[in-house]
PDB file of all heavy atoms in Angstrom:
ATOM      1  N   ALA A   1       9.351   1.706  13.546  1.00  0.00           N
ATOM      2  CA  ALA A   1       8.638   1.034  14.664  1.00  0.00           C
ATOM      3  C   ALA A   1       9.034   1.659  15.989  1.00  0.00           C
ATOM      4  O   ALA A   1       8.169   1.883  16.838  1.00  0.00           O
ATOM      5  CB  ALA A   1       8.944  -0.475  14.671  1.00  0.00           C
ATOM      6  N   TRP A   2      10.300   1.931  16.147  1.00  0.00           N
ATOM      7  CA  TRP A   2      10.800   2.584  17.393  1.00  0.00           C
ATOM      8  C   TRP A   2      10.240   3.983  17.548  1.00  0.00           C
ATOM      9  O   TRP A   2       9.808   4.361  18.642  1.00  0.00           O
ATOM     10  CB  TRP A   2      12.312   2.643  17.314  1.00  0.00           C
ATOM     11  CG  TRP A   2      12.968   3.378  18.450  1.00  0.00           C
ATOM     12  CD1 TRP A   2      13.029   2.985  19.757  1.00  0.00           C
ATOM     13  CD2 TRP A   2      13.574   4.651  18.410  1.00  0.00           C
ATOM     14  NE1 TRP A   2      13.682   3.958  20.524  1.00  0.00           N
ATOM     15  CE2 TRP A   2      14.025   5.008  19.710  1.00  0.00           C
ATOM     16  CE3 TRP A   2      13.804   5.584  17.391  1.00  0.00           C
ATOM     17  CZ2 TRP A   2      14.681   6.175  20.001  1.00  0.00           C
ATOM     18  CZ3 TRP A   2      14.489   6.751  17.657  1.00  0.00           C
ATOM     19  CH2 TRP A   2      14.883   7.061  18.949  1.00  0.00           C
ATOM     20  N   LEU A   3      10.185   4.755  16.462  1.00  0.00           N
ATOM     21  CA  LEU A   3       9.587   6.087  16.508  1.00  0.00           C
ATOM     22  C   LEU A   3       8.118   6.035  16.892  1.00  0.00           C
ATOM     23  O   LEU A   3       7.639   6.824  17.746  1.00  0.00           O
ATOM     24  CB  LEU A   3       9.795   6.840  15.193  1.00  0.00           C
ATOM     25  CG  LEU A   3      11.234   7.263  14.859  1.00  0.00           C
ATOM     26  CD1 LEU A   3      11.273   7.739  13.421  1.00  0.00           C
ATOM     27  CD2 LEU A   3      11.713   8.372  15.799  1.00  0.00           C
ATOM     28  N   ALA A   4       7.405   5.119  16.267  1.00  0.00           N
ATOM     29  CA  ALA A   4       5.942   5.078  16.465  1.00  0.00           C
ATOM     30  C   ALA A   4       5.610   4.502  17.845  1.00  0.00           C
ATOM     31  O   ALA A   4       4.791   5.104  18.620  1.00  0.00           O
ATOM     32  CB  ALA A   4       5.291   4.188  15.406  1.00  0.00           C
ATOM     33  N   GLU A   5       6.222   3.407  18.255  1.00  0.00           N
ATOM     34  CA  GLU A   5       5.824   2.722  19.500  1.00  0.00           C
ATOM     35  C   GLU A   5       6.563   3.227  20.698  1.00  0.00           C
ATOM     36  O   GLU A   5       5.960   3.288  21.797  1.00  0.00           O
ATOM     37  CB  GLU A   5       6.109   1.211  19.322  1.00  0.00           C
ATOM     38  CG  GLU A   5       5.296   0.571  18.201  1.00  0.00           C
ATOM     39  CD  GLU A   5       5.782  -0.807  17.745  1.00  0.00           C
ATOM     40  OE1 GLU A   5       6.607  -1.396  18.514  1.00  0.00           O
ATOM     41  OE2 GLU A   5       5.428  -1.225  16.653  1.00  0.00           O
ATOM     42  N   GLY A   6       7.833   3.647  20.510  1.00  0.00           N
ATOM     43  CA  GLY A   6       8.569   4.101  21.624  1.00  0.00           C
ATOM     44  C   GLY A   6       8.615   5.579  21.873  1.00  0.00           C
ATOM     45  O   GLY A   6       8.756   6.047  23.031  1.00  0.00           O
ATOM     46  N   GLU A   7       8.456   6.330  20.777  1.00  0.00           N
ATOM     47  CA  GLU A   7       8.523   7.771  20.907  1.00  0.00           C
ATOM     48  C   GLU A   7       7.252   8.534  20.558  1.00  0.00           C
ATOM     49  O   GLU A   7       7.278   9.785  20.546  1.00  0.00           O
ATOM     50  CB  GLU A   7       9.701   8.314  20.041  1.00  0.00           C
ATOM     51  CG  GLU A   7      11.065   7.740  20.421  1.00  0.00           C
ATOM     52  CD  GLU A   7      11.454   8.182  21.839  1.00  0.00           C
ATOM     53  OE1 GLU A   7      11.107   9.309  22.223  1.00  0.00           O
ATOM     54  OE2 GLU A   7      12.141   7.418  22.521  1.00  0.00           O
ATOM     55  N   GLY A   8       6.188   7.793  20.251  1.00  0.00           N
ATOM     56  CA  GLY A   8       4.899   8.456  20.069  1.00  0.00           C
ATOM     57  C   GLY A   8       4.767   9.231  18.794  1.00  0.00           C
ATOM     58  O   GLY A   8       3.975  10.182  18.707  1.00  0.00           O
ATOM     59  N   PHE A   9       5.519   8.868  17.734  1.00  0.00           N
ATOM     60  CA  PHE A   9       5.390   9.588  16.454  1.00  0.00           C
ATOM     61  C   PHE A   9       4.186   9.137  15.653  1.00  0.00           C
ATOM     62  O   PHE A   9       3.812   7.966  15.692  1.00  0.00           O
ATOM     63  CB  PHE A   9       6.654   9.347  15.576  1.00  0.00           C
ATOM     64  CG  PHE A   9       7.766  10.346  15.795  1.00  0.00           C
ATOM     65  CD1 PHE A   9       8.574  10.240  16.886  1.00  0.00           C
ATOM     66  CD2 PHE A   9       7.993  11.340  14.888  1.00  0.00           C
ATOM     67  CE1 PHE A   9       9.614  11.143  17.145  1.00  0.00           C
ATOM     68  CE2 PHE A   9       9.034  12.259  15.113  1.00  0.00           C
ATOM     69  CZ  PHE A   9       9.823  12.160  16.227  1.00  0.00           C
ATOM     70  N   ARG A  10       3.586  10.083  14.935  1.00  0.00           N
ATOM     71  CA  ARG A  10       2.648   9.728  13.883  1.00  0.00           C
ATOM     72  C   ARG A  10       3.466   9.528  12.630  1.00  0.00           C
ATOM     73  O   ARG A  10       3.977  10.444  12.029  1.00  0.00           O
ATOM     74  CB  ARG A  10       1.660  10.856  13.635  1.00  0.00           C
ATOM     75  CG  ARG A  10       0.696  11.126  14.792  1.00  0.00           C
ATOM     76  CD  ARG A  10      -0.190  12.329  14.553  1.00  0.00           C
ATOM     77  NE  ARG A  10      -1.146  12.089  13.456  1.00  0.00           N
ATOM     78  CZ  ARG A  10      -2.054  12.989  13.045  1.00  0.00           C
ATOM     79  NH1 ARG A  10      -2.081  14.200  13.615  1.00  0.00           N
ATOM     80  NH2 ARG A  10      -2.874  12.708  12.109  1.00  0.00           N
ATOM     81  N   CYS A  11       3.661   8.251  12.202  1.00  0.00           N
ATOM     82  CA  CYS A  11       4.424   7.919  11.036  1.00  0.00           C
ATOM     83  C   CYS A  11       3.487   7.979   9.829  1.00  0.00           C
ATOM     84  O   CYS A  11       2.495   7.231   9.804  1.00  0.00           O
ATOM     85  CB  CYS A  11       5.096   6.577  11.196  1.00  0.00           C
ATOM     86  SG  CYS A  11       6.374   6.560  12.453  1.00  0.00           S
ATOM     87  N   LEU A  12       3.803   8.823   8.899  1.00  0.00           N
ATOM     88  CA  LEU A  12       2.877   9.166   7.864  1.00  0.00           C
ATOM     89  C   LEU A  12       3.560   8.792   6.500  1.00  0.00           C
ATOM     90  O   LEU A  12       4.597   9.338   6.174  1.00  0.00           O
ATOM     91  CB  LEU A  12       2.635  10.695   7.872  1.00  0.00           C
ATOM     92  CG  LEU A  12       1.569  11.252   6.959  1.00  0.00           C
ATOM     93  CD1 LEU A  12       0.172  10.817   7.320  1.00  0.00           C
ATOM     94  CD2 LEU A  12       1.659  12.821   6.993  1.00  0.00           C
ATOM     95  N   ALA A  13       2.970   7.850   5.783  1.00  0.00           N
ATOM     96  CA  ALA A  13       3.501   7.425   4.494  1.00  0.00           C
ATOM     97  C   ALA A  13       2.862   8.175   3.341  1.00  0.00           C
ATOM     98  O   ALA A  13       1.617   8.308   3.283  1.00  0.00           O
ATOM     99  CB  ALA A  13       3.273   5.949   4.290  1.00  0.00           C
ATOM    100  N   ALA A  14       3.669   8.779   2.495  1.00  0.00           N
ATOM    101  CA  ALA A  14       3.168   9.399   1.274  1.00  0.00           C
ATOM    102  C   ALA A  14       2.900   8.341   0.227  1.00  0.00           C
ATOM    103  O   ALA A  14       3.812   7.668  -0.223  1.00  0.00           O
ATOM    104  CB  ALA A  14       4.150  10.434   0.757  1.00  0.00           C
ATOM    105  N   VAL A  15       1.650   8.159  -0.143  1.00  0.00           N
ATOM    106  CA  VAL A  15       1.278   7.119  -1.083  1.00  0.00           C
ATOM    107  C   VAL A  15       0.369   7.684  -2.117  1.00  0.00           C
ATOM    108  O   VAL A  15      -0.196   8.779  -2.013  1.00  0.00           O
ATOM    109  CB  VAL A  15       0.553   5.908  -0.369  1.00  0.00           C
ATOM    110  CG1 VAL A  15       1.548   5.249   0.563  1.00  0.00           C
ATOM    111  CG2 VAL A  15      -0.607   6.453   0.453  1.00  0.00           C
ATOM    112  N   VAL A  16       0.155   6.922  -3.234  1.00  0.00           N
ATOM    113  CA  VAL A  16      -0.657   7.422  -4.323  1.00  0.00           C
ATOM    114  C   VAL A  16      -1.980   6.671  -4.453  1.00  0.00           C
ATOM    115  O   VAL A  16      -2.885   7.089  -5.124  1.00  0.00           O
ATOM    116  CB  VAL A  16       0.073   7.324  -5.667  1.00  0.00           C
ATOM    117  CG1 VAL A  16       1.277   8.196  -5.681  1.00  0.00           C
ATOM    118  CG2 VAL A  16       0.479   5.878  -6.006  1.00  0.00           C
ATOM    119  N   GLN A  17      -2.106   5.610  -3.711  1.00  0.00           N
ATOM    120  CA  GLN A  17      -3.381   4.837  -3.753  1.00  0.00           C
ATOM    121  C   GLN A  17      -3.493   3.950  -2.493  1.00  0.00           C
ATOM    122  O   GLN A  17      -2.624   3.921  -1.658  1.00  0.00           O
ATOM    123  CB  GLN A  17      -3.397   3.960  -5.011  1.00  0.00           C
ATOM    124  CG  GLN A  17      -2.278   2.994  -5.088  1.00  0.00           C
ATOM    125  CD  GLN A  17      -2.203   2.259  -6.413  1.00  0.00           C
ATOM    126  OE1 GLN A  17      -3.038   2.500  -7.268  1.00  0.00           O
ATOM    127  NE2 GLN A  17      -1.206   1.408  -6.615  1.00  0.00           N
ATOM    128  N   GLY A  18      -4.629   3.253  -2.429  1.00  0.00           N
ATOM    129  CA  GLY A  18      -4.872   2.373  -1.276  1.00  0.00           C
ATOM    130  C   GLY A  18      -5.717   3.061  -0.219  1.00  0.00           C
ATOM    131  O   GLY A  18      -6.333   4.082  -0.462  1.00  0.00           O
ATOM    132  N   THR A  19      -5.677   2.536   1.009  1.00  0.00           N
ATOM    133  CA  THR A  19      -6.444   3.105   2.091  1.00  0.00           C
ATOM    134  C   THR A  19      -5.683   4.276   2.685  1.00  0.00           C
ATOM    135  O   THR A  19      -4.843   4.115   3.521  1.00  0.00           O
ATOM    136  CB  THR A  19      -6.706   2.021   3.189  1.00  0.00           C
ATOM    137  OG1 THR A  19      -7.310   0.853   2.561  1.00  0.00           O
ATOM    138  CG2 THR A  19      -7.639   2.550   4.256  1.00  0.00           C
ATOM    139  N   THR A  20      -6.039   5.422   2.245  1.00  0.00           N
ATOM    140  CA  THR A  20      -5.355   6.654   2.687  1.00  0.00           C
ATOM    141  C   THR A  20      -6.327   7.759   2.901  1.00  0.00           C
ATOM    142  O   THR A  20      -7.532   7.641   2.602  1.00  0.00           O
ATOM    143  CB  THR A  20      -4.368   7.100   1.581  1.00  0.00           C
ATOM    144  OG1 THR A  20      -5.138   7.508   0.450  1.00  0.00           O
ATOM    145  CG2 THR A  20      -3.337   6.043   1.190  1.00  0.00           C
ATOM    146  N   GLN A  21      -5.793   8.844   3.440  1.00  0.00           N
ATOM    147  CA  GLN A  21      -6.636  10.093   3.571  1.00  0.00           C
ATOM    148  C   GLN A  21      -6.037  11.117   2.646  1.00  0.00           C
ATOM    149  O   GLN A  21      -4.862  11.146   2.294  1.00  0.00           O
ATOM    150  CB  GLN A  21      -6.601  10.589   5.008  1.00  0.00           C
ATOM    151  CG  GLN A  21      -5.183  10.942   5.534  1.00  0.00           C
ATOM    152  CD  GLN A  21      -5.181  11.281   6.998  1.00  0.00           C
ATOM    153  OE1 GLN A  21      -6.050  12.025   7.428  1.00  0.00           O
ATOM    154  NE2 GLN A  21      -4.250  10.758   7.715  1.00  0.00           N
ATOM    155  N   SER A  22      -6.960  11.971   2.139  1.00  0.00           N
ATOM    156  CA  SER A  22      -6.469  13.081   1.284  1.00  0.00           C
ATOM    157  C   SER A  22      -5.736  14.091   2.151  1.00  0.00           C
ATOM    158  O   SER A  22      -5.984  14.234   3.367  1.00  0.00           O
ATOM    159  CB  SER A  22      -7.696  13.727   0.694  1.00  0.00           C
ATOM    160  OG  SER A  22      -7.372  15.037   0.188  1.00  0.00           O
ATOM    161  N   LEU A  23      -4.746  14.748   1.531  1.00  0.00           N
ATOM    162  CA  LEU A  23      -4.034  15.781   2.267  1.00  0.00           C
ATOM    163  C   LEU A  23      -5.013  16.851   2.765  1.00  0.00           C
ATOM    164  O   LEU A  23      -4.771  17.480   3.822  1.00  0.00           O
ATOM    165  CB  LEU A  23      -2.982  16.390   1.359  1.00  0.00           C
ATOM    166  CG  LEU A  23      -2.101  17.482   1.946  1.00  0.00           C
ATOM    167  CD1 LEU A  23      -1.262  16.943   3.136  1.00  0.00           C
ATOM    168  CD2 LEU A  23      -1.086  17.986   0.887  1.00  0.00           C
ATOM    169  N   TYR A  24      -6.103  17.052   2.042  1.00  0.00           N
ATOM    170  CA  TYR A  24      -7.136  18.039   2.503  1.00  0.00           C
ATOM    171  C   TYR A  24      -7.731  17.641   3.814  1.00  0.00           C
ATOM    172  O   TYR A  24      -8.173  18.505   4.601  1.00  0.00           O
ATOM    173  CB  TYR A  24      -8.227  18.140   1.448  1.00  0.00           C
ATOM    174  CG  TYR A  24      -7.829  18.706   0.129  1.00  0.00           C
ATOM    175  CD1 TYR A  24      -8.509  18.391  -1.040  1.00  0.00           C
ATOM    176  CD2 TYR A  24      -6.719  19.547  -0.026  1.00  0.00           C
ATOM    177  CE1 TYR A  24      -8.187  18.900  -2.289  1.00  0.00           C
ATOM    178  CE2 TYR A  24      -6.336  20.070  -1.249  1.00  0.00           C
ATOM    179  CZ  TYR A  24      -7.044  19.737  -2.411  1.00  0.00           C
ATOM    180  OH  TYR A  24      -6.685  20.237  -3.611  1.00  0.00           O
ATOM    181  N   GLU A  25      -7.755  16.367   4.120  1.00  0.00           N
ATOM    182  CA  GLU A  25      -8.374  15.879   5.328  1.00  0.00           C
ATOM    183  C   GLU A  25      -7.432  15.751   6.531  1.00  0.00           C
ATOM    184  O   GLU A  25      -7.858  15.680   7.674  1.00  0.00           O
ATOM    185  CB  GLU A  25      -9.009  14.473   5.069  1.00  0.00           C
ATOM    186  CG  GLU A  25     -10.003  14.428   3.963  1.00  0.00           C
ATOM    187  CD  GLU A  25     -10.361  13.029   3.533  1.00  0.00           C
ATOM    188  OE1 GLU A  25      -9.523  12.117   3.787  1.00  0.00           O
ATOM    189  OE2 GLU A  25     -11.417  12.824   2.929  1.00  0.00           O
ATOM    190  N   PHE A  26      -6.106  15.734   6.242  1.00  0.00           N
ATOM    191  CA  PHE A  26      -5.164  15.560   7.284  1.00  0.00           C
ATOM    192  C   PHE A  26      -5.097  16.765   8.251  1.00  0.00           C
ATOM    193  O   PHE A  26      -5.137  17.915   7.864  1.00  0.00           O
ATOM    194  CB  PHE A  26      -3.768  15.372   6.702  1.00  0.00           C
ATOM    195  CG  PHE A  26      -2.701  15.207   7.751  1.00  0.00           C
ATOM    196  CD1 PHE A  26      -2.499  13.976   8.375  1.00  0.00           C
ATOM    197  CD2 PHE A  26      -1.892  16.282   8.121  1.00  0.00           C
ATOM    198  CE1 PHE A  26      -1.516  13.829   9.326  1.00  0.00           C
ATOM    199  CE2 PHE A  26      -0.917  16.116   9.085  1.00  0.00           C
ATOM    200  CZ  PHE A  26      -0.724  14.904   9.656  1.00  0.00           C
ATOM    201  N   ARG A  27      -5.076  16.476   9.509  1.00  0.00           N
ATOM    202  CA  ARG A  27      -4.937  17.491  10.552  1.00  0.00           C
ATOM    203  C   ARG A  27      -3.815  17.122  11.565  1.00  0.00           C
ATOM    204  O   ARG A  27      -3.845  16.007  12.037  1.00  0.00           O
ATOM    205  CB  ARG A  27      -6.241  17.750  11.293  1.00  0.00           C
ATOM    206  CG  ARG A  27      -7.345  18.415  10.478  1.00  0.00           C
ATOM    207  CD  ARG A  27      -6.967  19.827  10.141  1.00  0.00           C
ATOM    208  NE  ARG A  27      -7.981  20.452   9.311  1.00  0.00           N
ATOM    209  CZ  ARG A  27      -7.969  20.497   7.981  1.00  0.00           C
ATOM    210  NH1 ARG A  27      -7.008  19.849   7.323  1.00  0.00           N
ATOM    211  NH2 ARG A  27      -8.921  21.111   7.321  1.00  0.00           N
ATOM    212  N   ARG A  28      -2.956  18.024  11.814  1.00  0.00           N
ATOM    213  CA  ARG A  28      -1.903  17.808  12.734  1.00  0.00           C
ATOM    214  C   ARG A  28      -2.263  18.566  14.028  1.00  0.00           C
ATOM    215  O   ARG A  28      -2.557  19.774  13.961  1.00  0.00           O
ATOM    216  CB  ARG A  28      -0.560  18.302  12.217  1.00  0.00           C
ATOM    217  CG  ARG A  28       0.612  18.141  13.177  1.00  0.00           C
ATOM    218  CD  ARG A  28       1.911  18.540  12.546  1.00  0.00           C
ATOM    219  NE  ARG A  28       3.013  18.234  13.389  1.00  0.00           N
ATOM    220  CZ  ARG A  28       4.310  18.345  13.031  1.00  0.00           C
ATOM    221  NH1 ARG A  28       4.580  18.754  11.770  1.00  0.00           N
ATOM    222  NH2 ARG A  28       5.258  18.036  13.912  1.00  0.00           N
ATOM    223  N   GLU A  29      -2.198  17.859  15.157  1.00  0.00           N
ATOM    224  CA  GLU A  29      -2.489  18.505  16.431  1.00  0.00           C
ATOM    225  C   GLU A  29      -1.278  19.168  16.996  1.00  0.00           C
ATOM    226  O   GLU A  29      -0.151  18.745  16.701  1.00  0.00           O
ATOM    227  CB  GLU A  29      -3.050  17.414  17.455  1.00  0.00           C
ATOM    228  CG  GLU A  29      -4.287  16.729  16.970  1.00  0.00           C
ATOM    229  CD  GLU A  29      -5.462  17.665  16.728  1.00  0.00           C
ATOM    230  OE1 GLU A  29      -5.559  18.681  17.476  1.00  0.00           O
ATOM    231  OE2 GLU A  29      -6.257  17.393  15.791  1.00  0.00           O
ATOM    232  N   ARG A  30      -1.457  20.211  17.767  1.00  0.00           N
ATOM    233  CA  ARG A  30      -0.346  20.918  18.339  1.00  0.00           C
ATOM    234  C   ARG A  30       0.550  19.976  19.175  1.00  0.00           C
ATOM    235  O   ARG A  30       0.012  19.194  20.005  1.00  0.00           O
ATOM    236  CB  ARG A  30      -0.872  22.058  19.204  1.00  0.00           C
ATOM    237  CG  ARG A  30       0.242  23.054  19.707  1.00  0.00           C
ATOM    238  CD  ARG A  30      -0.399  24.134  20.553  1.00  0.00           C
ATOM    239  NE  ARG A  30      -1.388  24.884  19.858  1.00  0.00           N
ATOM    240  CZ  ARG A  30      -1.130  25.891  19.043  1.00  0.00           C
ATOM    241  NH1 ARG A  30       0.107  26.283  18.870  1.00  0.00           N
ATOM    242  NH2 ARG A  30      -2.098  26.527  18.433  1.00  0.00           N
ATOM    243  N   GLY A  31       1.848  20.013  18.971  1.00  0.00           N
ATOM    244  CA  GLY A  31       2.739  19.179  19.725  1.00  0.00           C
ATOM    245  C   GLY A  31       2.981  17.819  19.129  1.00  0.00           C
ATOM    246  O   GLY A  31       3.845  17.075  19.601  1.00  0.00           O
ATOM    247  N   ASP A  32       2.216  17.421  18.070  1.00  0.00           N
ATOM    248  CA  ASP A  32       2.402  16.130  17.477  1.00  0.00           C
ATOM    249  C   ASP A  32       3.830  15.972  16.915  1.00  0.00           C
ATOM    250  O   ASP A  32       4.420  16.874  16.324  1.00  0.00           O
ATOM    251  CB  ASP A  32       1.459  15.945  16.243  1.00  0.00           C
ATOM    252  CG  ASP A  32       0.080  15.450  16.620  1.00  0.00           C
ATOM    253  OD1 ASP A  32      -0.093  15.130  17.808  1.00  0.00           O
ATOM    254  OD2 ASP A  32      -0.782  15.409  15.761  1.00  0.00           O
ATOM    255  N   ARG A  33       4.435  14.794  17.200  1.00  0.00           N
ATOM    256  CA  ARG A  33       5.643  14.369  16.510  1.00  0.00           C
ATOM    257  C   ARG A  33       5.254  13.639  15.232  1.00  0.00           C
ATOM    258  O   ARG A  33       4.511  12.676  15.271  1.00  0.00           O
ATOM    259  CB  ARG A  33       6.451  13.482  17.405  1.00  0.00           C
ATOM    260  CG  ARG A  33       6.931  14.189  18.686  1.00  0.00           C
ATOM    261  CD  ARG A  33       7.659  13.179  19.561  1.00  0.00           C
ATOM    262  NE  ARG A  33       8.099  13.816  20.804  1.00  0.00           N
ATOM    263  CZ  ARG A  33       8.708  13.171  21.818  1.00  0.00           C
ATOM    264  NH1 ARG A  33       8.943  11.833  21.710  1.00  0.00           N
ATOM    265  NH2 ARG A  33       9.119  13.795  22.890  1.00  0.00           N
ATOM    266  N   VAL A  34       5.742  14.071  14.094  1.00  0.00           N
ATOM    267  CA  VAL A  34       5.397  13.506  12.823  1.00  0.00           C
ATOM    268  C   VAL A  34       6.669  13.084  12.043  1.00  0.00           C
ATOM    269  O   VAL A  34       7.644  13.812  12.009  1.00  0.00           O
ATOM    270  CB  VAL A  34       4.583  14.489  11.973  1.00  0.00           C
ATOM    271  CG1 VAL A  34       4.334  13.924  10.583  1.00  0.00           C
ATOM    272  CG2 VAL A  34       3.255  14.787  12.628  1.00  0.00           C
ATOM    273  N   ALA A  35       6.643  11.848  11.522  1.00  0.00           N
ATOM    274  CA  ALA A  35       7.687  11.353  10.625  1.00  0.00           C
ATOM    275  C   ALA A  35       7.019  11.145   9.284  1.00  0.00           C
ATOM    276  O   ALA A  35       6.206  10.256   9.115  1.00  0.00           O
ATOM    277  CB  ALA A  35       8.285  10.073  11.167  1.00  0.00           C
ATOM    278  N   LEU A  36       7.454  11.925   8.286  1.00  0.00           N
ATOM    279  CA  LEU A  36       6.945  11.769   6.919  1.00  0.00           C
ATOM    280  C   LEU A  36       7.869  10.811   6.128  1.00  0.00           C
ATOM    281  O   LEU A  36       9.054  11.080   6.045  1.00  0.00           O
ATOM    282  CB  LEU A  36       6.904  13.157   6.251  1.00  0.00           C
ATOM    283  CG  LEU A  36       6.522  13.166   4.742  1.00  0.00           C
ATOM    284  CD1 LEU A  36       5.080  12.619   4.566  1.00  0.00           C
ATOM    285  CD2 LEU A  36       6.676  14.547   4.185  1.00  0.00           C
TER     286      LEU A  36
END
C-alpha cells in the first residue's frame, strides 16, 4: 500500500486466473516503478 499510494509504484500480482491481463498485453512505460 505504501509503495502504491506513497511512492507511485505499479504493484503487479502474478496470478493464474481471475481479472488479469495477459503478459502479451502488458506494457511498461519508461520510468515506471514496478513491484512484482
